[in-house]
Amino acid sequence: MARFNVSLKSWLAHYHALAQTWGRKVGIHEDAEDAMQDAVLRILENDAAAIDDPRAYLRRSVANGVIDRHRRNAILPVLPLHELEEREHPMVSGLESEVFSRQLVDDLKTALAELPLSCQQVYVRHRLEGWTHAEIARAMGISRAMVEKHMTRALRHLNRKLQKYAP
């Protein structure tokens, strides 16, 4: 059973080759690189030694990441701020900015409070405190898969509840 014990040189060669392959397939090299970086981050955040075949894991994970990005962009296209005209930049200034920020925080707190405690804890620990999924799983005595399920549930709920703040 091969463990995650790949030399740096072969790791980088595989990373580069896989990113290029997906860049050619989807035509957007940045999406492939982003999906690849997300996959590597998941490996590093979780127990890398538990992955029997890192290359197969990366191939599948990058494929899923690229597909997810395309689905997300089809539903909610995102345009970088630097591509917007100055007048199109989202801006709230002065007293209006303070009220807007306070309302967003209040709505976030309310939406979080609507979730089960375990989902709240996973979201806060991961997104606000920077814990890895593996750290959260150990602290809460649950599997990493359950941490991911709680996180997914929290993100979907918050996305629905805070939609009015999306540009």
C-alpha atoms as a PDB file:
ATOM      1  CA  MET A   1       0.000   0.000   0.000  1.00  0.00           C
ATOM      2  CA  ALA A   2       1.746   3.199  -1.185  1.00  0.00           C
ATOM      3  CA  ARG A   3       1.578   6.036   1.288  1.00  0.00           C
ATOM      4  CA  PHE A   4       1.968   9.772   0.740  1.00  0.00           C
ATOM      5  CA  ASN A   5       5.742   9.547   0.523  1.00  0.00           C
ATOM      6  CA  VAL A   6       6.596  11.237  -2.738  1.00  0.00           C
ATOM      7  CA  SER A   7       9.838  13.147  -3.147  1.00  0.00           C
ATOM      8  CA  LEU A   8       9.545  16.884  -3.669  1.00  0.00           C
ATOM      9  CA  LYS A   9      10.899  16.647  -7.207  1.00  0.00           C
ATOM     10  CA  SER A  10       8.382  14.017  -8.378  1.00  0.00           C
ATOM     11  CA  TRP A  11       5.570  15.744  -6.459  1.00  0.00           C
ATOM     12  CA  LEU A  12       6.184  19.036  -8.262  1.00  0.00           C
ATOM     13  CA  ALA A  13       6.485  17.307 -11.629  1.00  0.00           C
ATOM     14  CA  HIS A  14       3.162  15.559 -11.097  1.00  0.00           C
ATOM     15  CA  TYR A  15       1.532  18.765  -9.849  1.00  0.00           C
ATOM     16  CA  HIS A  16       2.720  20.703 -12.896  1.00  0.00           C
ATOM     17  CA  ALA A  17       1.724  17.964 -15.364  1.00  0.00           C
ATOM     18  CA  LEU A  18      -1.739  17.553 -13.844  1.00  0.00           C
ATOM     19  CA  ALA A  19      -2.364  21.319 -13.767  1.00  0.00           C
ATOM     20  CA  GLN A  20      -1.315  21.579 -17.436  1.00  0.00           C
ATOM     21  CA  THR A  21      -3.536  18.654 -18.428  1.00  0.00           C
ATOM     22  CA  TRP A  22      -6.577  20.197 -16.790  1.00  0.00           C
ATOM     23  CA  GLY A  23      -5.692  23.635 -18.122  1.00  0.00           C
ATOM     24  CA  ARG A  24      -5.788  22.232 -21.650  1.00  0.00           C
ATOM     25  CA  LYS A  25      -9.017  20.318 -21.002  1.00  0.00           C
ATOM     26  CA  VAL A  26     -10.983  23.254 -19.631  1.00  0.00           C
ATOM     27  CA  GLY A  27      -9.159  26.026 -21.473  1.00  0.00           C
ATOM     28  CA  ILE A  28      -8.744  28.083 -18.324  1.00  0.00           C
ATOM     29  CA  HIS A  29      -5.389  27.355 -16.726  1.00  0.00           C
ATOM     30  CA  GLU A  30      -6.202  29.390 -13.605  1.00  0.00           C
ATOM     31  CA  ASP A  31      -9.239  27.212 -12.814  1.00  0.00           C
ATOM     32  CA  ALA A  32      -7.103  24.090 -13.069  1.00  0.00           C
ATOM     33  CA  GLU A  33      -4.405  25.597 -10.852  1.00  0.00           C
ATOM     34  CA  ASP A  34      -6.984  26.714  -8.292  1.00  0.00           C
ATOM     35  CA  ALA A  35      -8.595  23.265  -8.225  1.00  0.00           C
ATOM     36  CA  MET A  36      -5.157  21.680  -7.873  1.00  0.00           C
ATOM     37  CA  GLN A  37      -4.221  23.991  -4.997  1.00  0.00           C
ATOM     38  CA  ASP A  38      -7.521  23.211  -3.266  1.00  0.00           C
ATOM     39  CA  ALA A  39      -6.805  19.477  -3.598  1.00  0.00           C
ATOM     40  CA  VAL A  40      -3.298  19.850  -2.184  1.00  0.00           C
ATOM     41  CA  LEU A  41      -4.627  21.978   0.672  1.00  0.00           C
ATOM     42  CA  ARG A  42      -7.142  19.258   1.542  1.00  0.00           C
ATOM     43  CA  ILE A  43      -4.324  16.719   1.593  1.00  0.00           C
ATOM     44  CA  LEU A  44      -2.239  18.924   3.877  1.00  0.00           C
ATOM     45  CA  GLU A  45      -5.160  19.792   6.161  1.00  0.00           C
ATOM     46  CA  ASN A  46      -6.159  16.190   6.588  1.00  0.00           C
ATOM     47  CA  ASP A  47      -4.083  13.125   7.309  1.00  0.00           C
ATOM     48  CA  ALA A  48      -1.958  12.800   4.174  1.00  0.00           C
ATOM     49  CA  ALA A  49      -0.696   9.384   5.309  1.00  0.00           C
ATOM     50  CA  ALA A  50      -4.248   8.016   5.031  1.00  0.00           C
ATOM     51  CA  ILE A  51      -4.229   8.522   1.254  1.00  0.00           C
ATOM     52  CA  ASP A  52      -3.171   5.284  -0.403  1.00  0.00           C
ATOM     53  CA  ASP A  53      -2.676   6.674  -3.911  1.00  0.00           C
ATOM     54  CA  PRO A  54      -1.915  10.429  -3.903  1.00  0.00           C
ATOM     55  CA  ARG A  55      -1.824  10.671  -7.704  1.00  0.00           C
ATOM     56  CA  ALA A  56      -5.264   9.086  -8.093  1.00  0.00           C
ATOM     57  CA  TYR A  57      -6.582  11.240  -5.249  1.00  0.00           C
ATOM     58  CA  LEU A  58      -5.242  14.393  -6.924  1.00  0.00           C
ATOM     59  CA  ARG A  59      -6.623  13.425 -10.345  1.00  0.00           C
ATOM     60  CA  ARG A  60     -10.122  12.801  -8.958  1.00  0.00           C
ATOM     61  CA  SER A  61     -10.043  15.797  -6.632  1.00  0.00           C
ATOM     62  CA  VAL A  62      -8.904  18.181  -9.365  1.00  0.00           C
ATOM     63  CA  ALA A  63     -11.549  16.813 -11.746  1.00  0.00           C
ATOM     64  CA  ASN A  64     -14.229  17.403  -9.127  1.00  0.00           C
ATOM     65  CA  GLY A  65     -12.845  20.870  -8.349  1.00  0.00           C
ATOM     66  CA  VAL A  66     -12.846  21.965 -11.987  1.00  0.00           C
ATOM     67  CA  ILE A  67     -16.399  20.677 -12.455  1.00  0.00           C
ATOM     68  CA  ASP A  68     -17.548  22.470  -9.285  1.00  0.00           C
ATOM     69  CA  ARG A  69     -15.968  25.741 -10.429  1.00  0.00           C
ATOM     70  CA  HIS A  70     -17.703  25.554 -13.806  1.00  0.00           C
ATOM     71  CA  ARG A  71     -21.054  24.778 -12.200  1.00  0.00           C
ATOM     72  CA  ARG A  72     -20.632  27.644  -9.748  1.00  0.00           C
ATOM     73  CA  ASN A  73     -19.662  30.067 -12.538  1.00  0.00           C
ATOM     74  CA  ALA A  74     -22.647  28.949 -14.624  1.00  0.00           C
ATOM     75  CA  ILE A  75     -24.989  29.706 -11.727  1.00  0.00           C
ATOM     76  CA  LEU A  76     -23.286  32.813 -10.367  1.00  0.00           C
ATOM     77  CA  PRO A  77     -20.724  34.274 -12.749  1.00  0.00           C
ATOM     78  CA  VAL A  78     -18.014  36.192 -10.935  1.00  0.00           C
ATOM     79  CA  LEU A  79     -16.200  39.139 -12.429  1.00  0.00           C
ATOM     80  CA  PRO A  80     -12.977  40.309 -10.752  1.00  0.00           C
ATOM     81  CA  LEU A  81     -13.071  43.840  -9.333  1.00  0.00           C
ATOM     82  CA  HIS A  82     -10.205  44.953 -11.579  1.00  0.00           C
ATOM     83  CA  GLU A  83     -12.365  44.196 -14.636  1.00  0.00           C
ATOM     84  CA  LEU A  84     -15.198  46.445 -13.447  1.00  0.00           C
ATOM     85  CA  GLU A  85     -15.521  50.096 -14.324  1.00  0.00           C
ATOM     86  CA  GLU A  86     -14.874  52.416 -11.354  1.00  0.00           C
ATOM     87  CA  ARG A  87     -18.573  53.315 -11.147  1.00  0.00           C
ATOM     88  CA  GLU A  88     -19.465  49.595 -10.958  1.00  0.00           C
ATOM     89  CA  HIS A  89     -17.380  48.888  -7.830  1.00  0.00           C
ATOM     90  CA  PRO A  90     -19.526  47.974  -4.848  1.00  0.00           C
ATOM     91  CA  MET A  91     -19.168  50.813  -2.396  1.00  0.00           C
ATOM     92  CA  VAL A  92     -20.884  51.849   0.759  1.00  0.00           C
ATOM     93  CA  SER A  93     -19.406  54.823   2.544  1.00  0.00           C
ATOM     94  CA  GLY A  94     -19.756  56.797   5.760  1.00  0.00           C
ATOM     95  CA  LEU A  95     -22.655  56.111   8.099  1.00  0.00           C
ATOM     96  CA  GLU A  96     -24.294  53.880   5.494  1.00  0.00           C
ATOM     97  CA  SER A  97     -21.200  51.634   5.544  1.00  0.00           C
ATOM     98  CA  GLU A  98     -21.369  51.259   9.318  1.00  0.00           C
ATOM     99  CA  VAL A  99     -25.072  50.389   9.221  1.00  0.00           C
ATOM    100  CA  PHE A 100     -24.508  47.947   6.346  1.00  0.00           C
ATOM    101  CA  SER A 101     -21.651  46.195   8.187  1.00  0.00           C
ATOM    102  CA  ARG A 102     -23.601  45.985  11.431  1.00  0.00           C
ATOM    103  CA  GLN A 103     -26.619  44.514   9.622  1.00  0.00           C
ATOM    104  CA  LEU A 104     -24.428  41.939   7.845  1.00  0.00           C
ATOM    105  CA  VAL A 105     -22.875  40.836  11.148  1.00  0.00           C
ATOM    106  CA  ASP A 106     -26.300  40.619  12.800  1.00  0.00           C
ATOM    107  CA  ASP A 107     -27.686  38.577   9.897  1.00  0.00           C
ATOM    108  CA  LEU A 108     -24.656  36.273   9.990  1.00  0.00           C
ATOM    109  CA  LYS A 109     -25.121  35.693  13.727  1.00  0.00           C
ATOM    110  CA  THR A 110     -28.830  35.006  13.229  1.00  0.00           C
ATOM    111  CA  ALA A 111     -28.182  32.591  10.358  1.00  0.00           C
ATOM    112  CA  LEU A 112     -25.508  30.758  12.366  1.00  0.00           C
ATOM    113  CA  ALA A 113     -27.850  30.484  15.353  1.00  0.00           C
ATOM    114  CA  GLU A 114     -30.383  28.698  13.136  1.00  0.00           C
ATOM    115  CA  LEU A 115     -27.913  25.855  12.534  1.00  0.00           C
ATOM    116  CA  PRO A 116     -27.358  22.887  14.847  1.00  0.00           C
ATOM    117  CA  LEU A 117     -24.578  23.494  17.371  1.00  0.00           C
ATOM    118  CA  SER A 118     -22.196  21.064  15.660  1.00  0.00           C
ATOM    119  CA  CYS A 119     -22.507  22.939  12.343  1.00  0.00           C
ATOM    120  CA  GLN A 120     -21.928  26.249  14.114  1.00  0.00           C
ATOM    121  CA  GLN A 121     -18.820  24.922  15.840  1.00  0.00           C
ATOM    122  CA  VAL A 122     -17.356  23.491  12.640  1.00  0.00           C
ATOM    123  CA  TYR A 123     -17.989  26.715  10.709  1.00  0.00           C
ATOM    124  CA  VAL A 124     -16.547  28.997  13.397  1.00  0.00           C
ATOM    125  CA  ARG A 125     -13.505  26.826  14.015  1.00  0.00           C
ATOM    126  CA  HIS A 126     -12.690  26.422  10.324  1.00  0.00           C
ATOM    127  CA  ARG A 127     -13.613  29.765   8.773  1.00  0.00           C
ATOM    128  CA  LEU A 128     -13.063  32.151  11.654  1.00  0.00           C
ATOM    129  CA  GLU A 129     -10.414  30.457  13.784  1.00  0.00           C
ATOM    130  CA  GLY A 130      -8.481  28.723  10.982  1.00  0.00           C
ATOM    131  CA  TRP A 131      -8.613  25.146  12.272  1.00  0.00           C
ATOM    132  CA  THR A 132      -8.087  22.317   9.779  1.00  0.00           C
ATOM    133  CA  HIS A 133     -10.754  19.671   9.253  1.00  0.00           C
ATOM    134  CA  ALA A 134      -8.504  17.108  10.949  1.00  0.00           C
ATOM    135  CA  GLU A 135      -8.092  19.336  14.028  1.00  0.00           C
ATOM    136  CA  ILE A 136     -11.839  19.911  14.245  1.00  0.00           C
ATOM    137  CA  ALA A 137     -12.552  16.190  13.889  1.00  0.00           C
ATOM    138  CA  ARG A 138     -10.147  15.344  16.724  1.00  0.00           C
ATOM    139  CA  ALA A 139     -11.467  18.098  19.007  1.00  0.00           C
ATOM    140  CA  MET A 140     -15.115  17.177  18.423  1.00  0.00           C
ATOM    141  CA  GLY A 141     -14.565  13.410  18.362  1.00  0.00           C
ATOM    142  CA  ILE A 142     -16.099  12.987  14.897  1.00  0.00           C
ATOM    143  CA  SER A 143     -14.798  11.878  11.492  1.00  0.00           C
ATOM    144  CA  ARG A 144     -13.363  14.285   8.920  1.00  0.00           C
ATOM    145  CA  ALA A 145     -16.217  13.277   6.617  1.00  0.00           C
ATOM    146  CA  MET A 146     -18.694  14.459   9.259  1.00  0.00           C
ATOM    147  CA  VAL A 147     -16.765  17.738   9.617  1.00  0.00           C
ATOM    148  CA  GLU A 148     -17.084  18.223   5.850  1.00  0.00           C
ATOM    149  CA  LYS A 149     -20.818  17.470   5.980  1.00  0.00           C
ATOM    150  CA  HIS A 150     -21.326  19.998   8.785  1.00  0.00           C
ATOM    151  CA  MET A 151     -19.294  22.580   6.875  1.00  0.00           C
ATOM    152  CA  THR A 152     -21.234  21.992   3.664  1.00  0.00           C
ATOM    153  CA  ARG A 153     -24.537  22.317   5.505  1.00  0.00           C
ATOM    154  CA  ALA A 154     -23.399  25.543   7.179  1.00  0.00           C
ATOM    155  CA  LEU A 155     -22.155  27.070   3.920  1.00  0.00           C
ATOM    156  CA  ARG A 156     -25.349  26.225   2.043  1.00  0.00           C
ATOM    157  CA  HIS A 157     -27.484  27.668   4.825  1.00  0.00           C
ATOM    158  CA  LEU A 158     -25.410  30.851   5.097  1.00  0.00           C
ATOM    159  CA  ASN A 159     -25.397  31.258   1.327  1.00  0.00           C
ATOM    160  CA  ARG A 160     -29.210  31.109   1.283  1.00  0.00           C
ATOM    161  CA  LYS A 161     -29.661  33.414   4.269  1.00  0.00           C
ATOM    162  CA  LEU A 162     -27.081  36.036   3.216  1.00  0.00           C
ATOM    163  CA  GLN A 163     -27.901  36.092  -0.496  1.00  0.00           C
ATOM    164  CA  LYS A 164     -29.031  39.729  -0.326  1.00  0.00           C
ATOM    165  CA  TYR A 165     -25.413  40.721   0.450  1.00  0.00           C
ATOM    166  CA  ALA A 166     -24.044  39.031  -2.673  1.00  0.00           C
ATOM    167  CA  PRO A 167     -23.051  41.459  -5.429  1.00  0.00           C
END
